[in-house]
Amino acid sequence: MVKVVWTQRSLFDLEDIGDYISKDSIRYAKLTLEKLIDSASLISNNPLIGRIVTESKDKSIRELIKGNYRVIYQIRNDTSVFILTVFHTARLLSEKDLE
């Protein structure tokens, strides 16, 4: 097991996602956020579970798709993984979004 660290940016992303969805459904917003947060346990148990992000040149950056969202993370070493951002699949991702 590795330690999963949510970056400040990824926490802001979760907050924005929750705020946006809750305008239509508080229940669905809660379910979506739970699903996204639960992805951390999958990553913790197997950091290589996600596919390499094709928009990045850095092979240590991977992603899990959860519903309409990409949970993008970076394997920093054998003991820690950092979740960089949570990004909607309909949006175009660039290198700048991974900084």
PDB file of N, CA and C in Angstrom:
ATOM      1  N   MET A   1       0.825  -1.186   0.000  1.00  0.00           N
ATOM      2  CA  MET A   1       0.000   0.000   0.000  1.00  0.00           C
ATOM      3  C   MET A   1       0.872   1.254   0.000  1.00  0.00           C
ATOM      4  N   VAL A   2       0.431   2.225  -0.781  1.00  0.00           N
ATOM      5  CA  VAL A   2       1.135   3.496  -0.791  1.00  0.00           C
ATOM      6  C   VAL A   2       0.220   4.574  -0.216  1.00  0.00           C
ATOM      7  N   LYS A   3       0.834   5.637   0.222  1.00  0.00           N
ATOM      8  CA  LYS A   3       0.082   6.767   0.766  1.00  0.00           C
ATOM      9  C   LYS A   3      -0.435   7.611  -0.402  1.00  0.00           C
ATOM     10  N   VAL A   4      -1.718   7.945  -0.376  1.00  0.00           N
ATOM     11  CA  VAL A   4      -2.310   8.799  -1.394  1.00  0.00           C
ATOM     12  C   VAL A   4      -2.497  10.193  -0.808  1.00  0.00           C
ATOM     13  N   VAL A   5      -1.949  11.184  -1.492  1.00  0.00           N
ATOM     14  CA  VAL A   5      -2.032  12.574  -1.051  1.00  0.00           C
ATOM     15  C   VAL A   5      -2.862  13.351  -2.067  1.00  0.00           C
ATOM     16  N   TRP A   6      -3.912  13.989  -1.595  1.00  0.00           N
ATOM     17  CA  TRP A   6      -4.725  14.858  -2.441  1.00  0.00           C
ATOM     18  C   TRP A   6      -4.071  16.233  -2.445  1.00  0.00           C
ATOM     19  N   THR A   7      -3.701  16.733  -3.615  1.00  0.00           N
ATOM     20  CA  THR A   7      -3.119  18.067  -3.704  1.00  0.00           C
ATOM     21  C   THR A   7      -4.204  19.111  -3.461  1.00  0.00           C
ATOM     22  N   GLN A   8      -3.785  20.326  -3.183  1.00  0.00           N
ATOM     23  CA  GLN A   8      -4.739  21.414  -2.972  1.00  0.00           C
ATOM     24  C   GLN A   8      -5.625  21.596  -4.201  1.00  0.00           C
ATOM     25  N   ARG A   9      -5.020  21.509  -5.362  1.00  0.00           N
ATOM     26  CA  ARG A   9      -5.784  21.662  -6.604  1.00  0.00           C
ATOM     27  C   ARG A   9      -6.859  20.584  -6.728  1.00  0.00           C
ATOM     28  N   SER A  10      -6.506  19.333  -6.429  1.00  0.00           N
ATOM     29  CA  SER A  10      -7.494  18.257  -6.555  1.00  0.00           C
ATOM     30  C   SER A  10      -8.634  18.435  -5.556  1.00  0.00           C
ATOM     31  N   LEU A  11      -8.342  18.961  -4.388  1.00  0.00           N
ATOM     32  CA  LEU A  11      -9.401  19.227  -3.414  1.00  0.00           C
ATOM     33  C   LEU A  11     -10.320  20.349  -3.897  1.00  0.00           C
ATOM     34  N   PHE A  12      -9.744  21.374  -4.531  1.00  0.00           N
ATOM     35  CA  PHE A  12     -10.563  22.438  -5.129  1.00  0.00           C
ATOM     36  C   PHE A  12     -11.437  21.871  -6.242  1.00  0.00           C
ATOM     37  N   ASP A  13     -10.858  20.947  -7.031  1.00  0.00           N
ATOM     38  CA  ASP A  13     -11.623  20.312  -8.105  1.00  0.00           C
ATOM     39  C   ASP A  13     -12.836  19.582  -7.539  1.00  0.00           C
ATOM     40  N   LEU A  14     -12.630  18.818  -6.468  1.00  0.00           N
ATOM     41  CA  LEU A  14     -13.741  18.097  -5.836  1.00  0.00           C
ATOM     42  C   LEU A  14     -14.811  19.063  -5.345  1.00  0.00           C
ATOM     43  N   GLU A  15     -14.382  20.153  -4.746  1.00  0.00           N
ATOM     44  CA  GLU A  15     -15.324  21.147  -4.245  1.00  0.00           C
ATOM     45  C   GLU A  15     -16.146  21.754  -5.394  1.00  0.00           C
ATOM     46  N   ASP A  16     -15.463  22.081  -6.483  1.00  0.00           N
ATOM     47  CA  ASP A  16     -16.152  22.648  -7.644  1.00  0.00           C
ATOM     48  C   ASP A  16     -17.147  21.652  -8.248  1.00  0.00           C
ATOM     49  N   ILE A  17     -16.746  20.405  -8.340  1.00  0.00           N
ATOM     50  CA  ILE A  17     -17.617  19.358  -8.876  1.00  0.00           C
ATOM     51  C   ILE A  17     -18.857  19.214  -7.995  1.00  0.00           C
ATOM     52  N   GLY A  18     -18.640  19.145  -6.691  1.00  0.00           N
ATOM     53  CA  GLY A  18     -19.755  19.023  -5.759  1.00  0.00           C
ATOM     54  C   GLY A  18     -20.701  20.203  -5.843  1.00  0.00           C
ATOM     55  N   ASP A  19     -20.152  21.417  -5.908  1.00  0.00           N
ATOM     56  CA  ASP A  19     -20.981  22.625  -6.016  1.00  0.00           C
ATOM     57  C   ASP A  19     -21.807  22.621  -7.299  1.00  0.00           C
ATOM     58  N   TYR A  20     -21.173  22.244  -8.400  1.00  0.00           N
ATOM     59  CA  TYR A  20     -21.854  22.261  -9.687  1.00  0.00           C
ATOM     60  C   TYR A  20     -22.999  21.241  -9.729  1.00  0.00           C
ATOM     61  N   ILE A  21     -22.717  20.017  -9.314  1.00  0.00           N
ATOM     62  CA  ILE A  21     -23.740  18.966  -9.371  1.00  0.00           C
ATOM     63  C   ILE A  21     -24.855  19.227  -8.374  1.00  0.00           C
ATOM     64  N   SER A  22     -24.525  19.781  -7.216  1.00  0.00           N
ATOM     65  CA  SER A  22     -25.543  19.995  -6.181  1.00  0.00           C
ATOM     66  C   SER A  22     -26.585  21.035  -6.577  1.00  0.00           C
ATOM     67  N   LYS A  23     -26.306  21.836  -7.611  1.00  0.00           N
ATOM     68  CA  LYS A  23     -27.309  22.775  -8.098  1.00  0.00           C
ATOM     69  C   LYS A  23     -28.544  22.035  -8.614  1.00  0.00           C
ATOM     70  N   ASP A  24     -28.316  20.819  -9.128  1.00  0.00           N
ATOM     71  CA  ASP A  24     -29.414  19.989  -9.634  1.00  0.00           C
ATOM     72  C   ASP A  24     -29.824  18.905  -8.649  1.00  0.00           C
ATOM     73  N   SER A  25     -28.826  18.332  -7.943  1.00  0.00           N
ATOM     74  CA  SER A  25     -29.132  17.212  -7.051  1.00  0.00           C
ATOM     75  C   SER A  25     -28.058  17.063  -5.978  1.00  0.00           C
ATOM     76  N   ILE A  26     -28.430  17.362  -4.762  1.00  0.00           N
ATOM     77  CA  ILE A  26     -27.489  17.205  -3.648  1.00  0.00           C
ATOM     78  C   ILE A  26     -27.132  15.731  -3.474  1.00  0.00           C
ATOM     79  N   ARG A  27     -28.111  14.864  -3.644  1.00  0.00           N
ATOM     80  CA  ARG A  27     -27.883  13.419  -3.494  1.00  0.00           C
ATOM     81  C   ARG A  27     -26.872  12.919  -4.531  1.00  0.00           C
ATOM     82  N   TYR A  28     -27.056  13.313  -5.793  1.00  0.00           N
ATOM     83  CA  TYR A  28     -26.146  12.867  -6.840  1.00  0.00           C
ATOM     84  C   TYR A  28     -24.752  13.471  -6.648  1.00  0.00           C
ATOM     85  N   ALA A  29     -24.690  14.693  -6.176  1.00  0.00           N
ATOM     86  CA  ALA A  29     -23.390  15.321  -5.897  1.00  0.00           C
ATOM     87  C   ALA A  29     -22.641  14.511  -4.844  1.00  0.00           C
ATOM     88  N   LYS A  30     -23.344  14.117  -3.789  1.00  0.00           N
ATOM     89  CA  LYS A  30     -22.720  13.333  -2.725  1.00  0.00           C
ATOM     90  C   LYS A  30     -22.233  11.986  -3.255  1.00  0.00           C
ATOM     91  N   LEU A  31     -23.067  11.308  -4.048  1.00  0.00           N
ATOM     92  CA  LEU A  31     -22.670  10.011  -4.607  1.00  0.00           C
ATOM     93  C   LEU A  31     -21.456  10.135  -5.531  1.00  0.00           C
ATOM     94  N   THR A  32     -21.441  11.170  -6.338  1.00  0.00           N
ATOM     95  CA  THR A  32     -20.322  11.383  -7.254  1.00  0.00           C
ATOM     96  C   THR A  32     -19.032  11.634  -6.492  1.00  0.00           C
ATOM     97  N   LEU A  33     -19.087  12.497  -5.489  1.00  0.00           N
ATOM     98  CA  LEU A  33     -17.888  12.792  -4.692  1.00  0.00           C
ATOM     99  C   LEU A  33     -17.404  11.557  -3.947  1.00  0.00           C
ATOM    100  N   GLU A  34     -18.323  10.758  -3.416  1.00  0.00           N
ATOM    101  CA  GLU A  34     -17.926   9.522  -2.728  1.00  0.00           C
ATOM    102  C   GLU A  34     -17.194   8.588  -3.684  1.00  0.00           C
ATOM    103  N   LYS A  35     -17.708   8.460  -4.902  1.00  0.00           N
ATOM    104  CA  LYS A  35     -17.086   7.591  -5.895  1.00  0.00           C
ATOM    105  C   LYS A  35     -15.673   8.082  -6.237  1.00  0.00           C
ATOM    106  N   LEU A  36     -15.528   9.385  -6.392  1.00  0.00           N
ATOM    107  CA  LEU A  36     -14.215   9.951  -6.727  1.00  0.00           C
ATOM    108  C   LEU A  36     -13.231   9.778  -5.577  1.00  0.00           C
ATOM    109  N   ILE A  37     -13.695  10.015  -4.359  1.00  0.00           N
ATOM    110  CA  ILE A  37     -12.824   9.870  -3.190  1.00  0.00           C
ATOM    111  C   ILE A  37     -12.446   8.410  -2.969  1.00  0.00           C
ATOM    112  N   ASP A  38     -13.386   7.498  -3.216  1.00  0.00           N
ATOM    113  CA  ASP A  38     -13.102   6.067  -3.061  1.00  0.00           C
ATOM    114  C   ASP A  38     -12.043   5.569  -4.034  1.00  0.00           C
ATOM    115  N   SER A  39     -11.839   6.279  -5.130  1.00  0.00           N
ATOM    116  CA  SER A  39     -10.814   5.862  -6.085  1.00  0.00           C
ATOM    117  C   SER A  39      -9.425   5.884  -5.448  1.00  0.00           C
ATOM    118  N   ALA A  40      -9.255   6.676  -4.404  1.00  0.00           N
ATOM    119  CA  ALA A  40      -7.959   6.739  -3.716  1.00  0.00           C
ATOM    120  C   ALA A  40      -7.578   5.392  -3.119  1.00  0.00           C
ATOM    121  N   SER A  41      -8.557   4.631  -2.636  1.00  0.00           N
ATOM    122  CA  SER A  41      -8.231   3.327  -2.060  1.00  0.00           C
ATOM    123  C   SER A  41      -7.766   2.349  -3.140  1.00  0.00           C
ATOM    124  N   LEU A  42      -8.355   2.423  -4.319  1.00  0.00           N
ATOM    125  CA  LEU A  42      -7.889   1.585  -5.430  1.00  0.00           C
ATOM    126  C   LEU A  42      -6.451   1.927  -5.787  1.00  0.00           C
ATOM    127  N   ILE A  43      -6.168   3.216  -5.864  1.00  0.00           N
ATOM    128  CA  ILE A  43      -4.821   3.675  -6.200  1.00  0.00           C
ATOM    129  C   ILE A  43      -3.842   3.285  -5.102  1.00  0.00           C
ATOM    130  N   SER A  44      -4.264   3.406  -3.866  1.00  0.00           N
ATOM    131  CA  SER A  44      -3.402   3.057  -2.742  1.00  0.00           C
ATOM    132  C   SER A  44      -2.987   1.593  -2.782  1.00  0.00           C
ATOM    133  N   ASN A  45      -3.935   0.733  -3.113  1.00  0.00           N
ATOM    134  CA  ASN A  45      -3.656  -0.707  -3.155  1.00  0.00           C
ATOM    135  C   ASN A  45      -2.859  -1.130  -4.384  1.00  0.00           C
ATOM    136  N   ASN A  46      -3.016  -0.404  -5.469  1.00  0.00           N
ATOM    137  CA  ASN A  46      -2.299  -0.746  -6.693  1.00  0.00           C
ATOM    138  C   ASN A  46      -2.071   0.525  -7.522  1.00  0.00           C
ATOM    139  N   PRO A  47      -0.974   1.225  -7.293  1.00  0.00           N
ATOM    140  CA  PRO A  47      -0.726   2.497  -7.975  1.00  0.00           C
ATOM    141  C   PRO A  47      -0.657   2.377  -9.505  1.00  0.00           C
ATOM    142  N   LEU A  48      -0.368   1.206 -10.018  1.00  0.00           N
ATOM    143  CA  LEU A  48      -0.263   1.034 -11.464  1.00  0.00           C
ATOM    144  C   LEU A  48      -1.605   0.691 -12.109  1.00  0.00           C
ATOM    145  N   ILE A  49      -2.688   0.756 -11.332  1.00  0.00           N
ATOM    146  CA  ILE A  49      -4.007   0.387 -11.844  1.00  0.00           C
ATOM    147  C   ILE A  49      -4.473   1.308 -12.968  1.00  0.00           C
ATOM    148  N   GLY A  50      -4.103   2.566 -12.922  1.00  0.00           N
ATOM    149  CA  GLY A  50      -4.543   3.528 -13.936  1.00  0.00           C
ATOM    150  C   GLY A  50      -3.681   3.477 -15.180  1.00  0.00           C
ATOM    151  N   ARG A  51      -4.273   3.964 -16.259  1.00  0.00           N
ATOM    152  CA  ARG A  51      -3.509   4.016 -17.508  1.00  0.00           C
ATOM    153  C   ARG A  51      -2.675   5.288 -17.539  1.00  0.00           C
ATOM    154  N   ILE A  52      -1.626   5.265 -18.343  1.00  0.00           N
ATOM    155  CA  ILE A  52      -0.769   6.435 -18.507  1.00  0.00           C
ATOM    156  C   ILE A  52      -1.562   7.513 -19.239  1.00  0.00           C
ATOM    157  N   VAL A  53      -1.448   8.743 -18.772  1.00  0.00           N
ATOM    158  CA  VAL A  53      -2.155   9.879 -19.384  1.00  0.00           C
ATOM    159  C   VAL A  53      -1.451  10.230 -20.690  1.00  0.00           C
ATOM    160  N   THR A  54      -2.171  10.080 -21.785  1.00  0.00           N
ATOM    161  CA  THR A  54      -1.558  10.277 -23.107  1.00  0.00           C
ATOM    162  C   THR A  54      -1.192  11.730 -23.388  1.00  0.00           C
ATOM    163  N   GLU A  55      -1.854  12.675 -22.731  1.00  0.00           N
ATOM    164  CA  GLU A  55      -1.556  14.087 -22.954  1.00  0.00           C
ATOM    165  C   GLU A  55      -0.268  14.533 -22.262  1.00  0.00           C
ATOM    166  N   SER A  56       0.310  13.674 -21.446  1.00  0.00           N
ATOM    167  CA  SER A  56       1.524  14.018 -20.704  1.00  0.00           C
ATOM    168  C   SER A  56       2.720  13.241 -21.231  1.00  0.00           C
ATOM    169  N   LYS A  57       3.856  13.869 -21.180  1.00  0.00           N
ATOM    170  CA  LYS A  57       5.107  13.203 -21.558  1.00  0.00           C
ATOM    171  C   LYS A  57       5.680  12.417 -20.378  1.00  0.00           C
ATOM    172  N   ASP A  58       5.165  12.693 -19.194  1.00  0.00           N
ATOM    173  CA  ASP A  58       5.649  12.066 -17.961  1.00  0.00           C
ATOM    174  C   ASP A  58       4.918  10.742 -17.750  1.00  0.00           C
ATOM    175  N   LYS A  59       5.639   9.651 -17.822  1.00  0.00           N
ATOM    176  CA  LYS A  59       5.041   8.316 -17.706  1.00  0.00           C
ATOM    177  C   LYS A  59       4.613   7.970 -16.287  1.00  0.00           C
ATOM    178  N   SER A  60       4.970   8.800 -15.320  1.00  0.00           N
ATOM    179  CA  SER A  60       4.542   8.543 -13.942  1.00  0.00           C
ATOM    180  C   SER A  60       3.151   9.109 -13.670  1.00  0.00           C
ATOM    181  N   ILE A  61       2.593   9.834 -14.641  1.00  0.00           N
ATOM    182  CA  ILE A  61       1.256  10.402 -14.478  1.00  0.00           C
ATOM    183  C   ILE A  61       0.240   9.448 -15.085  1.00  0.00           C
ATOM    184  N   ARG A  62      -0.706   9.031 -14.241  1.00  0.00           N
ATOM    185  CA  ARG A  62      -1.709   8.039 -14.632  1.00  0.00           C
ATOM    186  C   ARG A  62      -3.097   8.538 -14.296  1.00  0.00           C
ATOM    187  N   GLU A  63      -4.110   7.795 -14.740  1.00  0.00           N
ATOM    188  CA  GLU A  63      -5.483   8.204 -14.472  1.00  0.00           C
ATOM    189  C   GLU A  63      -6.399   7.003 -14.280  1.00  0.00           C
ATOM    190  N   LEU A  64      -7.412   7.232 -13.473  1.00  0.00           N
ATOM    191  CA  LEU A  64      -8.541   6.317 -13.338  1.00  0.00           C
ATOM    192  C   LEU A  64      -9.762   7.074 -13.824  1.00  0.00           C
ATOM    193  N   ILE A  65     -10.591   6.412 -14.593  1.00  0.00           N
ATOM    194  CA  ILE A  65     -11.843   7.018 -15.043  1.00  0.00           C
ATOM    195  C   ILE A  65     -12.934   6.574 -14.077  1.00  0.00           C
ATOM    196  N   LYS A  66     -13.613   7.543 -13.506  1.00  0.00           N
ATOM    197  CA  LYS A  66     -14.731   7.292 -12.585  1.00  0.00           C
ATOM    198  C   LYS A  66     -15.926   8.082 -13.076  1.00  0.00           C
ATOM    199  N   GLY A  67     -16.866   7.399 -13.694  1.00  0.00           N
ATOM    200  CA  GLY A  67     -18.020   8.092 -14.256  1.00  0.00           C
ATOM    201  C   GLY A  67     -17.574   9.048 -15.347  1.00  0.00           C
ATOM    202  N   ASN A  68     -17.910  10.314 -15.189  1.00  0.00           N
ATOM    203  CA  ASN A  68     -17.535  11.334 -16.166  1.00  0.00           C
ATOM    204  C   ASN A  68     -16.244  12.058 -15.809  1.00  0.00           C
ATOM    205  N   TYR A  69     -15.472  11.504 -14.889  1.00  0.00           N
ATOM    206  CA  TYR A  69     -14.290  12.213 -14.396  1.00  0.00           C
ATOM    207  C   TYR A  69     -13.027  11.379 -14.518  1.00  0.00           C
ATOM    208  N   ARG A  70     -11.938  12.077 -14.747  1.00  0.00           N
ATOM    209  CA  ARG A  70     -10.607  11.478 -14.777  1.00  0.00           C
ATOM    210  C   ARG A  70      -9.915  11.857 -13.466  1.00  0.00           C
ATOM    211  N   VAL A  71      -9.561  10.877 -12.673  1.00  0.00           N
ATOM    212  CA  VAL A  71      -8.787  11.117 -11.451  1.00  0.00           C
ATOM    213  C   VAL A  71      -7.327  10.943 -11.872  1.00  0.00           C
ATOM    214  N   ILE A  72      -6.628  12.057 -11.992  1.00  0.00           N
ATOM    215  CA  ILE A  72      -5.265  12.042 -12.527  1.00  0.00           C
ATOM    216  C   ILE A  72      -4.277  12.149 -11.374  1.00  0.00           C
ATOM    217  N   TYR A  73      -3.346  11.204 -11.344  1.00  0.00           N
ATOM    218  CA  TYR A  73      -2.393  11.133 -10.237  1.00  0.00           C
ATOM    219  C   TYR A  73      -0.984  10.868 -10.739  1.00  0.00           C
ATOM    220  N   GLN A  74      -0.030  11.130  -9.863  1.00  0.00           N
ATOM    221  CA  GLN A  74       1.376  10.914 -10.197  1.00  0.00           C
ATOM    222  C   GLN A  74       2.008  10.015  -9.156  1.00  0.00           C
ATOM    223  N   ILE A  75       2.678   8.996  -9.634  1.00  0.00           N
ATOM    224  CA  ILE A  75       3.436   8.112  -8.742  1.00  0.00           C
ATOM    225  C   ILE A  75       4.771   8.809  -8.491  1.00  0.00           C
ATOM    226  N   ARG A  76       5.008   9.218  -7.253  1.00  0.00           N
ATOM    227  CA  ARG A  76       6.235   9.972  -6.943  1.00  0.00           C
ATOM    228  C   ARG A  76       7.374   9.049  -6.512  1.00  0.00           C
ATOM    229  N   ASN A  77       7.029   7.997  -5.794  1.00  0.00           N
ATOM    230  CA  ASN A  77       8.032   7.020  -5.363  1.00  0.00           C
ATOM    231  C   ASN A  77       7.296   5.749  -4.940  1.00  0.00           C
ATOM    232  N   ASP A  78       8.002   4.823  -4.329  1.00  0.00           N
ATOM    233  CA  ASP A  78       7.391   3.546  -3.937  1.00  0.00           C
ATOM    234  C   ASP A  78       6.407   3.676  -2.785  1.00  0.00           C
ATOM    235  N   THR A  79       6.386   4.825  -2.129  1.00  0.00           N
ATOM    236  CA  THR A  79       5.538   4.955  -0.947  1.00  0.00           C
ATOM    237  C   THR A  79       4.457   6.017  -1.052  1.00  0.00           C
ATOM    238  N   SER A  80       4.468   6.835  -2.121  1.00  0.00           N
ATOM    239  CA  SER A  80       3.453   7.888  -2.191  1.00  0.00           C
ATOM    240  C   SER A  80       3.004   8.189  -3.620  1.00  0.00           C
ATOM    241  N   VAL A  81       1.739   8.537  -3.693  1.00  0.00           N
ATOM    242  CA  VAL A  81       1.084   8.922  -4.935  1.00  0.00           C
ATOM    243  C   VAL A  81       0.348  10.234  -4.661  1.00  0.00           C
ATOM    244  N   PHE A  82       0.414  11.170  -5.594  1.00  0.00           N
ATOM    245  CA  PHE A  82      -0.247  12.452  -5.433  1.00  0.00           C
ATOM    246  C   PHE A  82      -1.352  12.585  -6.477  1.00  0.00           C
ATOM    247  N   ILE A  83      -2.569  12.840  -6.017  1.00  0.00           N
ATOM    248  CA  ILE A  83      -3.661  13.092  -6.939  1.00  0.00           C
ATOM    249  C   ILE A  83      -3.532  14.550  -7.372  1.00  0.00           C
ATOM    250  N   LEU A  84      -3.313  14.751  -8.669  1.00  0.00           N
ATOM    251  CA  LEU A  84      -3.022  16.072  -9.212  1.00  0.00           C
ATOM    252  C   LEU A  84      -4.284  16.868  -9.509  1.00  0.00           C
ATOM    253  N   THR A  85      -5.272  16.212 -10.107  1.00  0.00           N
ATOM    254  CA  THR A  85      -6.495  16.902 -10.500  1.00  0.00           C
ATOM    255  C   THR A  85      -7.601  15.894 -10.738  1.00  0.00           C
ATOM    256  N   VAL A  86      -8.824  16.375 -10.690  1.00  0.00           N
ATOM    257  CA  VAL A  86      -9.992  15.583 -11.074  1.00  0.00           C
ATOM    258  C   VAL A  86     -10.635  16.382 -12.196  1.00  0.00           C
ATOM    259  N   PHE A  87     -10.688  15.782 -13.368  1.00  0.00           N
ATOM    260  CA  PHE A  87     -10.977  16.514 -14.602  1.00  0.00           C
ATOM    261  C   PHE A  87     -12.149  15.864 -15.324  1.00  0.00           C
ATOM    262  N   HIS A  88     -13.094  16.652 -15.806  1.00  0.00           N
ATOM    263  CA  HIS A  88     -14.242  16.107 -16.537  1.00  0.00           C
ATOM    264  C   HIS A  88     -13.776  15.540 -17.878  1.00  0.00           C
ATOM    265  N   THR A  89     -14.308  14.384 -18.251  1.00  0.00           N
ATOM    266  CA  THR A  89     -13.860  13.707 -19.474  1.00  0.00           C
ATOM    267  C   THR A  89     -14.207  14.478 -20.739  1.00  0.00           C
ATOM    268  N   ALA A  90     -15.183  15.357 -20.692  1.00  0.00           N
ATOM    269  CA  ALA A  90     -15.568  16.124 -21.882  1.00  0.00           C
ATOM    270  C   ALA A  90     -14.619  17.286 -22.164  1.00  0.00           C
ATOM    271  N   ARG A  91     -13.804  17.644 -21.185  1.00  0.00           N
ATOM    272  CA  ARG A  91     -12.870  18.758 -21.364  1.00  0.00           C
ATOM    273  C   ARG A  91     -11.560  18.261 -21.945  1.00  0.00           C
ATOM    274  N   LEU A  92     -10.897  19.133 -22.687  1.00  0.00           N
ATOM    275  CA  LEU A  92      -9.578  18.802 -23.225  1.00  0.00           C
ATOM    276  C   LEU A  92      -8.520  19.072 -22.167  1.00  0.00           C
ATOM    277  N   LEU A  93      -7.642  18.115 -21.958  1.00  0.00           N
ATOM    278  CA  LEU A  93      -6.583  18.212 -20.961  1.00  0.00           C
ATOM    279  C   LEU A  93      -5.290  18.619 -21.657  1.00  0.00           C
ATOM    280  N   SER A  94      -4.557  19.538 -21.048  1.00  0.00           N
ATOM    281  CA  SER A  94      -3.258  19.937 -21.580  1.00  0.00           C
ATOM    282  C   SER A  94      -2.198  19.743 -20.493  1.00  0.00           C
ATOM    283  N   GLU A  95      -0.955  19.834 -20.894  1.00  0.00           N
ATOM    284  CA  GLU A  95       0.160  19.719 -19.942  1.00  0.00           C
ATOM    285  C   GLU A  95       0.017  20.750 -18.828  1.00  0.00           C
ATOM    286  N   LYS A  96      -0.448  21.932 -19.176  1.00  0.00           N
ATOM    287  CA  LYS A  96      -0.600  23.012 -18.195  1.00  0.00           C
ATOM    288  C   LYS A  96      -1.582  22.627 -17.080  1.00  0.00           C
ATOM    289  N   ASP A  97      -2.589  21.826 -17.411  1.00  0.00           N
ATOM    290  CA  ASP A  97      -3.555  21.383 -16.418  1.00  0.00           C
ATOM    291  C   ASP A  97      -2.944  20.420 -15.398  1.00  0.00           C
ATOM    292  N   LEU A  98      -1.782  19.894 -15.693  1.00  0.00           N
ATOM    293  CA  LEU A  98      -1.118  18.919 -14.809  1.00  0.00           C
ATOM    294  C   LEU A  98      -0.042  19.550 -13.946  1.00  0.00           C
ATOM    295  N   GLU A  99       0.150  20.841 -14.058  1.00  0.00           N
ATOM    296  CA  GLU A  99       1.199  21.522 -13.268  1.00  0.00           C
ATOM    297  C   GLU A  99       0.762  21.713 -11.841  1.00  0.00           C
TER     298      GLU A  99
END
